[in-house]
Amino acid sequence: MRERYVAKRVINLLLLFLITAGFTAALCQLQGLYADELTGYLFLALMFFVLFVYVLEYSRAEGKIADNRETDYSKISAGFFASALIILLSVRLPEFLKPVILVALIMTALGSQMIAVCTGLFLCALMCLAGGGSAQEMVLCCLALLFGCMLELTAERAHLRYWCAAIVFALAVMLPGIFYYLTYREVKLSLFLFGAVEGAVEVIFLLLVITQLAAAKHAEVSDLFADILDESYPMARELLKFSRTEYRHARRVSHAAAKCAEIVGADRNVCAAAGFYYRIGIIEGEPLVESGIRIARKECFPEGVIGVISEYNGELALPSTTESAIVHMVDGLIKKLEVLDSQTMSSEWNQDMVIYQTLNDFSAMGMYDKSGLSMNMFLKIREYLVKEEKLLL
């Protein structure tokens, strides 16, 4: 399937650009810089943004953002805005007292270590350049970023969370004082006090907020499944508006496919969602497969669902996964049952024969040879569908 930009991702990328430009302009304004200096910093921001988009796309393609190659970057945008705001609010703080660890924690929790490092380096570099920060302060920011990225990943493990909180507090207390001494060769006790306050804030944030953000990131795909299967989801409502018959068919396939997935140990969520949107291309018309893929990508459906839709009816490619085979099997069966009149289906024996014949025909055609669906799985699914009495309810 060819990669292409979709509306939801483009909107969030534009939002990221606006945040980048807005942060740069606000920082220059706070520091009282002239227009020509602002222009230079805006060019630097543009260069950063181009590279940042590359990093985002690379991370997404590798599945390193929430394990979701179809992420829409909405959480990244929110985290980037929060990070930029933190740096802006800390501009007036004393030297060496910038809560950079918070930036690392937020962006690692919502994105990845690479994204966190890129974000933090840009924000801190611009802050030091525009504000006349020393090289020592920039080094401190870099160390804080690296420490924060490593600690956030460790903090996601419950039994290590409080150890990470203790390390964060220790870093916040010690680093400012150490760097101040190395720079000015004198000890400034107030820095340790301010560092303790900063450390307390970071520890509270780590324990109460960051862990929740990390959990939300890991639950992004499962939450998306829940959203797209809800009756109130915009695309579900659009399908209902398009055709009540098609909507009823989609619900039947979704329910039966999910049950079959449970029986053979396949991914229930993928089967439920792919079963519901298997024929979504009908809304835009022929060619159905391409239309279905286009709609699914536009909605940023999970990768597994898009994969099943791309193999609709085996038209462009035969089912390549167990989930795709299940959805194809259930969709074809229910479609056949729906076209038969009620008199033909009045006998349970007739319905059983139709199910046996339809599924056996699919198998004999070699539809599932590349899907990983074993004969044992096939027989379990067939047995369930024969005994299921609510396929057409």
Protein backbone atom coordinates (compact mmCIF):
# COMPACT_ATOMS: atom_id res chain seq x y z
CA MET A 1 0.00 0.00 0.00
CA ARG A 2 1.47 3.34 -1.05
CA GLU A 3 2.08 5.85 1.75
CA ARG A 4 0.32 9.18 1.44
CA TYR A 5 -0.43 12.14 3.63
CA VAL A 6 -3.90 12.25 5.14
CA ALA A 7 -5.89 15.19 6.41
CA LYS A 8 -5.62 14.47 10.14
CA ARG A 9 -1.85 14.17 10.02
CA VAL A 10 -1.46 17.22 7.78
CA ILE A 11 -3.56 19.31 10.18
CA ASN A 12 -1.39 18.30 13.14
CA LEU A 13 1.80 18.95 11.17
CA LEU A 14 0.51 22.44 10.35
CA LEU A 15 -0.29 22.90 14.03
CA LEU A 16 3.26 21.86 14.92
CA PHE A 17 4.60 24.43 12.45
CA LEU A 18 2.46 27.17 13.99
CA ILE A 19 3.64 26.22 17.48
CA THR A 20 7.26 26.28 16.31
CA ALA A 21 6.90 29.69 14.69
CA GLY A 22 4.86 31.04 17.60
CA PHE A 23 7.41 29.85 20.16
CA THR A 24 10.23 31.47 18.19
CA ALA A 25 8.39 34.77 17.85
CA ALA A 26 7.33 34.83 21.51
CA LEU A 27 10.87 34.03 22.67
CA CYS A 28 12.34 36.82 20.57
CA GLN A 29 9.70 39.21 21.88
CA LEU A 30 10.48 38.30 25.49
CA GLN A 31 14.18 38.90 24.88
CA GLY A 32 13.55 42.21 23.10
CA LEU A 33 15.25 41.19 19.85
CA TYR A 34 15.05 43.21 16.64
CA ALA A 35 13.16 42.27 13.49
CA ASP A 36 16.24 41.10 11.60
CA GLU A 37 17.18 38.80 14.50
CA LEU A 38 13.64 37.46 14.60
CA THR A 39 13.87 36.70 10.88
CA GLY A 40 17.08 34.76 11.39
CA TYR A 41 15.62 32.72 14.22
CA LEU A 42 12.50 32.01 12.16
CA PHE A 43 14.71 30.56 9.42
CA LEU A 44 16.37 28.35 12.03
CA ALA A 45 12.93 27.29 13.24
CA LEU A 46 11.92 26.43 9.68
CA MET A 47 15.01 24.28 9.23
CA PHE A 48 14.26 22.50 12.49
CA PHE A 49 10.66 21.92 11.49
CA VAL A 50 11.61 20.29 8.18
CA LEU A 51 13.97 17.90 9.98
CA PHE A 52 11.40 17.32 12.73
CA VAL A 53 8.79 16.25 10.18
CA TYR A 54 11.32 13.80 8.77
CA VAL A 55 11.93 12.37 12.25
CA LEU A 56 8.19 12.08 12.87
CA GLU A 57 7.54 10.31 9.58
CA TYR A 58 10.49 7.98 10.08
CA SER A 59 9.36 7.14 13.62
CA ARG A 60 5.80 6.55 12.46
CA ALA A 61 6.90 4.31 9.58
CA GLU A 62 8.97 2.25 12.03
CA GLY A 63 6.03 1.99 14.44
CA LYS A 64 7.91 3.83 17.18
CA ILE A 65 5.09 6.21 18.07
CA ALA A 66 2.55 4.39 20.24
CA ASP A 67 3.26 1.23 18.19
CA ASN A 68 0.91 2.76 15.64
CA ARG A 69 2.03 3.42 12.07
CA GLU A 70 -1.23 5.24 11.39
CA THR A 71 -0.99 7.72 14.29
CA ASP A 72 -2.29 11.21 13.51
CA TYR A 73 0.31 13.03 15.70
CA SER A 74 -2.37 14.62 17.88
CA LYS A 75 -0.61 13.62 21.12
CA ILE A 76 2.74 14.77 19.73
CA SER A 77 1.24 18.18 18.95
CA ALA A 78 -0.17 18.52 22.46
CA GLY A 79 3.15 17.51 24.03
CA PHE A 80 5.12 19.88 21.80
CA PHE A 81 2.87 22.77 22.76
CA ALA A 82 3.25 21.95 26.47
CA SER A 83 7.03 21.70 26.09
CA ALA A 84 7.28 25.04 24.26
CA LEU A 85 5.14 26.68 26.95
CA ILE A 86 7.35 25.28 29.73
CA ILE A 87 10.49 26.69 28.11
CA LEU A 88 8.85 30.06 27.52
CA LEU A 89 7.71 30.30 31.13
CA SER A 90 11.18 29.36 32.37
CA VAL A 91 13.05 32.03 30.37
CA ARG A 92 13.07 34.43 33.33
CA LEU A 93 14.23 31.80 35.80
CA PRO A 94 17.81 32.04 37.16
CA GLU A 95 20.68 30.55 35.20
CA PHE A 96 20.88 26.72 35.34
CA LEU A 97 17.32 26.47 36.72
CA LYS A 98 15.36 25.44 33.64
CA PRO A 99 12.96 22.48 34.05
CA VAL A 100 14.21 20.79 30.89
CA ILE A 101 13.67 17.34 32.38
CA LEU A 102 9.93 18.00 32.11
CA VAL A 103 10.26 18.42 28.35
CA ALA A 104 12.10 15.10 28.08
CA LEU A 105 9.52 13.33 30.24
CA ILE A 106 6.55 14.70 28.30
CA MET A 107 7.85 14.08 24.80
CA THR A 108 9.18 10.61 25.61
CA ALA A 109 5.88 9.68 27.26
CA LEU A 110 3.87 10.85 24.25
CA GLY A 111 6.32 10.06 21.47
CA SER A 112 9.76 8.50 21.65
CA GLN A 113 13.27 9.23 22.90
CA MET A 114 14.34 10.48 19.47
CA ILE A 115 11.40 12.88 19.27
CA ALA A 116 12.04 14.07 22.83
CA VAL A 117 15.72 14.77 22.15
CA CYS A 118 14.94 16.66 18.92
CA THR A 119 12.26 18.75 20.63
CA GLY A 120 14.35 19.54 23.69
CA LEU A 121 17.51 20.39 21.76
CA PHE A 122 15.66 22.83 19.51
CA LEU A 123 13.75 24.57 22.31
CA CYS A 124 16.80 24.82 24.57
CA ALA A 125 19.19 25.88 21.81
CA LEU A 126 16.86 28.67 20.75
CA MET A 127 16.38 29.73 24.36
CA CYS A 128 20.15 29.91 24.96
CA LEU A 129 20.85 31.67 21.67
CA ALA A 130 18.08 34.26 21.95
CA GLY A 131 18.62 34.81 25.66
CA GLY A 132 22.40 34.91 25.60
CA GLY A 133 22.72 31.72 27.61
CA SER A 134 26.16 30.32 28.28
CA ALA A 135 27.63 27.20 26.76
CA GLN A 136 27.54 25.65 30.25
CA GLU A 137 23.79 26.18 30.45
CA MET A 138 23.30 24.51 27.07
CA VAL A 139 25.39 21.55 28.23
CA LEU A 140 23.23 21.31 31.35
CA CYS A 141 20.11 21.31 29.18
CA CYS A 142 21.51 18.50 27.02
CA LEU A 143 22.35 16.38 30.06
CA ALA A 144 18.93 17.00 31.57
CA LEU A 145 17.31 15.93 28.30
CA LEU A 146 19.27 12.69 28.16
CA PHE A 147 18.60 11.90 31.81
CA GLY A 148 14.87 12.66 31.42
CA CYS A 149 14.50 10.45 28.33
CA MET A 150 16.16 7.48 30.01
CA LEU A 151 14.28 7.91 33.28
CA GLU A 152 10.84 8.21 31.66
CA LEU A 153 11.14 4.82 29.98
CA THR A 154 12.26 3.27 33.26
CA ALA A 155 9.47 5.01 35.18
CA GLU A 156 6.88 3.20 33.05
CA ARG A 157 7.76 0.10 35.09
CA ALA A 158 5.77 0.36 38.30
CA HIS A 159 8.39 -1.25 40.57
CA LEU A 160 11.04 1.27 39.45
CA ARG A 161 8.86 4.38 39.41
CA TYR A 162 9.81 5.71 42.83
CA TRP A 163 13.50 5.08 42.23
CA CYS A 164 13.21 7.20 39.09
CA ALA A 165 11.41 9.91 41.04
CA ALA A 166 14.26 9.95 43.58
CA ILE A 167 16.85 10.26 40.81
CA VAL A 168 14.90 13.10 39.15
CA PHE A 169 14.80 14.97 42.47
CA ALA A 170 18.52 14.42 43.05
CA LEU A 171 19.37 15.67 39.56
CA ALA A 172 17.24 18.79 39.99
CA VAL A 173 18.95 19.60 43.30
CA MET A 174 22.55 18.83 42.36
CA LEU A 175 22.99 19.80 38.70
CA PRO A 176 22.35 23.58 39.03
CA GLY A 177 24.76 23.90 41.96
CA ILE A 178 27.46 21.82 40.27
CA PHE A 179 27.30 23.74 36.99
CA TYR A 180 27.25 27.08 38.82
CA TYR A 181 30.40 26.12 40.70
CA LEU A 182 32.15 24.88 37.54
CA THR A 183 31.30 28.15 35.80
CA TYR A 184 31.97 30.70 38.57
CA ARG A 185 34.11 28.69 41.01
CA GLU A 186 31.84 29.48 43.94
CA VAL A 187 29.00 27.75 45.77
CA LYS A 188 25.57 29.34 45.70
CA LEU A 189 23.36 27.67 48.30
CA SER A 190 20.15 29.27 47.01
CA LEU A 191 20.47 27.23 43.81
CA PHE A 192 20.16 24.02 45.81
CA LEU A 193 17.00 25.35 47.45
CA PHE A 194 15.47 26.42 44.12
CA GLY A 195 16.56 23.09 42.65
CA ALA A 196 14.71 21.26 45.43
CA VAL A 197 11.52 23.16 44.56
CA GLU A 198 11.99 22.38 40.86
CA GLY A 199 12.71 18.73 41.69
CA ALA A 200 9.56 18.45 43.80
CA VAL A 201 7.48 19.77 40.90
CA GLU A 202 9.12 17.33 38.47
CA VAL A 203 8.62 14.38 40.83
CA ILE A 204 4.93 15.18 41.27
CA PHE A 205 4.58 15.57 37.53
CA LEU A 206 6.37 12.27 36.94
CA LEU A 207 4.25 10.30 39.40
CA LEU A 208 0.85 11.85 38.70
CA VAL A 209 0.92 13.03 35.10
CA ILE A 210 3.70 11.41 33.07
CA THR A 211 2.68 7.87 33.93
CA GLN A 212 -0.85 8.68 32.80
CA LEU A 213 0.43 10.16 29.54
CA ALA A 214 2.53 7.06 28.89
CA ALA A 215 -0.46 4.81 29.57
CA ALA A 216 -2.56 6.89 27.17
CA LYS A 217 0.11 6.53 24.48
CA HIS A 218 0.23 2.74 24.81
CA ALA A 219 -3.57 2.62 24.77
CA GLU A 220 -3.83 4.77 21.62
CA VAL A 221 -4.63 1.87 19.30
CA SER A 222 -7.10 0.15 21.64
CA ASP A 223 -8.83 3.48 22.31
CA LEU A 224 -9.08 4.04 18.57
CA PHE A 225 -10.73 0.65 18.13
CA ALA A 226 -13.33 1.59 20.74
CA ASP A 227 -13.95 4.93 19.01
CA ILE A 228 -14.39 3.65 15.47
CA LEU A 229 -16.76 0.88 16.56
CA ASP A 230 -18.99 3.26 18.49
CA GLU A 231 -22.32 4.08 16.90
CA SER A 232 -21.63 7.80 17.28
CA TYR A 233 -18.34 7.69 15.34
CA PRO A 234 -18.67 10.04 12.32
CA MET A 235 -17.81 7.38 9.72
CA ALA A 236 -20.23 4.91 11.31
CA ARG A 237 -22.97 7.54 11.14
CA GLU A 238 -22.05 8.27 7.54
CA LEU A 239 -22.38 4.60 6.66
CA LEU A 240 -25.79 4.47 8.35
CA LYS A 241 -26.86 7.58 6.45
CA PHE A 242 -25.63 6.07 3.20
CA SER A 243 -27.52 2.79 3.60
CA ARG A 244 -29.29 1.19 6.54
CA THR A 245 -28.99 -2.18 4.79
CA GLU A 246 -25.23 -1.78 4.41
CA TYR A 247 -24.93 -0.62 8.02
CA ARG A 248 -26.88 -3.64 9.27
CA HIS A 249 -24.66 -5.92 7.19
CA ALA A 250 -21.53 -4.28 8.62
CA ARG A 251 -22.72 -4.78 12.19
CA ARG A 252 -23.47 -8.43 11.52
CA VAL A 253 -20.05 -9.06 10.03
CA SER A 254 -18.32 -7.17 12.84
CA HIS A 255 -20.07 -9.16 15.57
CA ALA A 256 -19.57 -12.58 13.97
CA ALA A 257 -15.94 -11.90 12.96
CA ALA A 258 -15.08 -10.80 16.49
CA LYS A 259 -16.56 -14.01 17.90
CA CYS A 260 -14.64 -16.13 15.39
CA ALA A 261 -11.42 -14.32 16.29
CA GLU A 262 -11.92 -15.18 19.95
CA ILE A 263 -12.42 -18.84 19.11
CA VAL A 264 -9.14 -19.23 17.20
CA GLY A 265 -7.03 -16.70 19.13
CA ALA A 266 -6.87 -14.01 16.45
CA ASP A 267 -7.02 -10.26 17.12
CA ARG A 268 -10.61 -9.59 18.12
CA ASN A 269 -10.35 -5.80 17.76
CA VAL A 270 -8.98 -5.98 14.22
CA CYS A 271 -11.68 -8.44 13.16
CA ALA A 272 -14.46 -6.37 14.73
CA ALA A 273 -13.32 -3.07 13.18
CA ALA A 274 -12.28 -4.53 9.82
CA GLY A 275 -15.53 -6.47 9.65
CA PHE A 276 -17.54 -3.30 10.15
CA TYR A 277 -15.58 -1.23 7.63
CA TYR A 278 -14.77 -4.05 5.21
CA ARG A 279 -16.99 -2.59 2.48
CA ILE A 280 -16.65 1.08 3.47
CA GLY A 281 -15.43 1.86 -0.05
CA ILE A 282 -19.04 1.57 -1.20
CA ILE A 283 -19.60 5.11 0.08
CA GLU A 284 -17.28 6.56 -2.59
CA GLY A 285 -17.99 3.88 -5.20
CA GLU A 286 -15.79 1.95 -7.60
CA PRO A 287 -13.08 0.84 -7.34
CA LEU A 288 -14.20 -0.35 -3.90
CA VAL A 289 -10.80 -1.49 -2.63
CA GLU A 290 -9.01 1.75 -3.45
CA SER A 291 -11.91 3.77 -2.11
CA GLY A 292 -11.93 1.75 1.10
CA ILE A 293 -8.19 2.20 1.62
CA ARG A 294 -8.48 5.93 0.97
CA ILE A 295 -11.26 6.33 3.55
CA ALA A 296 -9.44 4.17 6.11
CA ARG A 297 -6.23 6.17 5.74
CA LYS A 298 -8.14 9.44 5.93
CA GLU A 299 -9.60 8.31 9.26
CA CYS A 300 -6.18 7.02 10.46
CA PHE A 301 -7.56 3.55 11.13
CA PRO A 302 -5.13 1.07 12.74
CA GLU A 303 -2.72 -0.55 10.33
CA GLY A 304 -4.24 -4.01 10.78
CA VAL A 305 -7.68 -2.75 9.76
CA ILE A 306 -6.32 -1.00 6.67
CA GLY A 307 -4.53 -4.21 5.73
CA VAL A 308 -7.75 -6.23 5.85
CA ILE A 309 -9.67 -3.61 3.87
CA SER A 310 -6.93 -3.61 1.21
CA GLU A 311 -7.58 -7.35 0.72
CA TYR A 312 -11.33 -6.93 0.35
CA ASN A 313 -12.88 -9.95 -1.31
CA GLY A 314 -9.46 -11.04 -2.53
CA GLU A 315 -9.75 -8.62 -5.45
CA LEU A 316 -6.25 -7.11 -5.34
CA ALA A 317 -4.63 -9.57 -2.96
CA LEU A 318 -5.63 -12.76 -1.18
CA PRO A 319 -6.02 -12.61 2.62
CA SER A 320 -2.54 -12.51 4.11
CA THR A 321 -3.46 -12.69 7.81
CA THR A 322 -5.76 -14.79 9.93
CA GLU A 323 -7.87 -11.72 10.65
CA SER A 324 -8.27 -10.96 6.95
CA ALA A 325 -9.30 -14.56 6.28
CA ILE A 326 -11.90 -14.46 9.07
CA VAL A 327 -13.44 -11.21 7.85
CA HIS A 328 -13.53 -12.43 4.26
CA MET A 329 -15.16 -15.68 5.33
CA VAL A 330 -17.81 -14.05 7.50
CA ASP A 331 -18.58 -11.26 5.03
CA GLY A 332 -19.02 -13.67 2.13
CA LEU A 333 -21.22 -15.97 4.19
CA ILE A 334 -23.50 -13.27 5.58
CA LYS A 335 -23.74 -11.63 2.17
CA LYS A 336 -24.96 -14.93 0.72
CA LEU A 337 -27.44 -15.51 3.53
CA GLU A 338 -28.84 -12.02 3.11
CA VAL A 339 -29.65 -12.46 -0.58
CA LEU A 340 -31.54 -15.68 0.02
CA ASP A 341 -35.20 -15.21 0.74
CA SER A 342 -36.76 -15.97 4.10
CA GLN A 343 -38.58 -19.03 2.75
CA THR A 344 -35.32 -20.66 1.72
CA MET A 345 -33.86 -19.95 5.14
CA SER A 346 -36.95 -21.08 7.05
CA SER A 347 -35.33 -24.42 7.65
CA GLU A 348 -32.35 -24.61 10.00
CA TRP A 349 -31.13 -27.52 7.90
CA ASN A 350 -31.13 -25.31 4.78
CA GLN A 351 -29.11 -22.61 6.52
CA ASP A 352 -26.59 -25.14 7.80
CA MET A 353 -26.14 -26.53 4.30
CA VAL A 354 -25.58 -23.05 2.86
CA ILE A 355 -22.96 -22.31 5.51
CA TYR A 356 -21.14 -25.60 4.92
CA GLN A 357 -21.20 -25.17 1.15
CA THR A 358 -20.13 -21.51 1.17
CA LEU A 359 -17.22 -21.96 3.55
CA ASN A 360 -16.05 -25.15 1.88
CA ASP A 361 -16.09 -23.38 -1.49
CA PHE A 362 -13.95 -20.56 -0.11
CA SER A 363 -11.46 -23.06 1.26
CA ALA A 364 -11.37 -25.12 -1.95
CA MET A 365 -10.62 -21.97 -3.97
CA GLY A 366 -7.40 -21.51 -1.98
CA MET A 367 -8.53 -18.14 -0.64
CA TYR A 368 -6.80 -18.68 2.70
CA ASP A 369 -3.62 -20.45 1.63
CA LYS A 370 -1.44 -17.43 2.45
CA SER A 371 -3.32 -16.26 5.53
CA GLY A 372 -1.92 -18.58 8.16
CA LEU A 373 -5.42 -19.91 8.85
CA SER A 374 -4.91 -23.57 9.71
CA MET A 375 -7.41 -26.31 8.92
CA ASN A 376 -8.09 -26.68 12.62
CA MET A 377 -8.95 -22.96 12.85
CA PHE A 378 -11.14 -23.23 9.77
CA LEU A 379 -13.08 -26.14 11.22
CA LYS A 380 -13.59 -24.36 14.55
CA ILE A 381 -14.91 -21.26 12.78
CA ARG A 382 -17.18 -23.30 10.53
CA GLU A 383 -18.56 -25.20 13.48
CA TYR A 384 -19.29 -21.98 15.34
CA LEU A 385 -21.00 -20.35 12.36
CA VAL A 386 -23.15 -23.41 11.79
CA LYS A 387 -24.34 -23.35 15.40
CA GLU A 388 -24.72 -19.58 15.58
CA GLU A 389 -28.43 -18.72 15.35
CA LYS A 390 -28.18 -14.92 15.21
CA LEU A 391 -26.19 -14.29 12.05
CA LEU A 392 -29.00 -12.31 10.45
CA LEU A 393 -30.33 -10.50 13.51
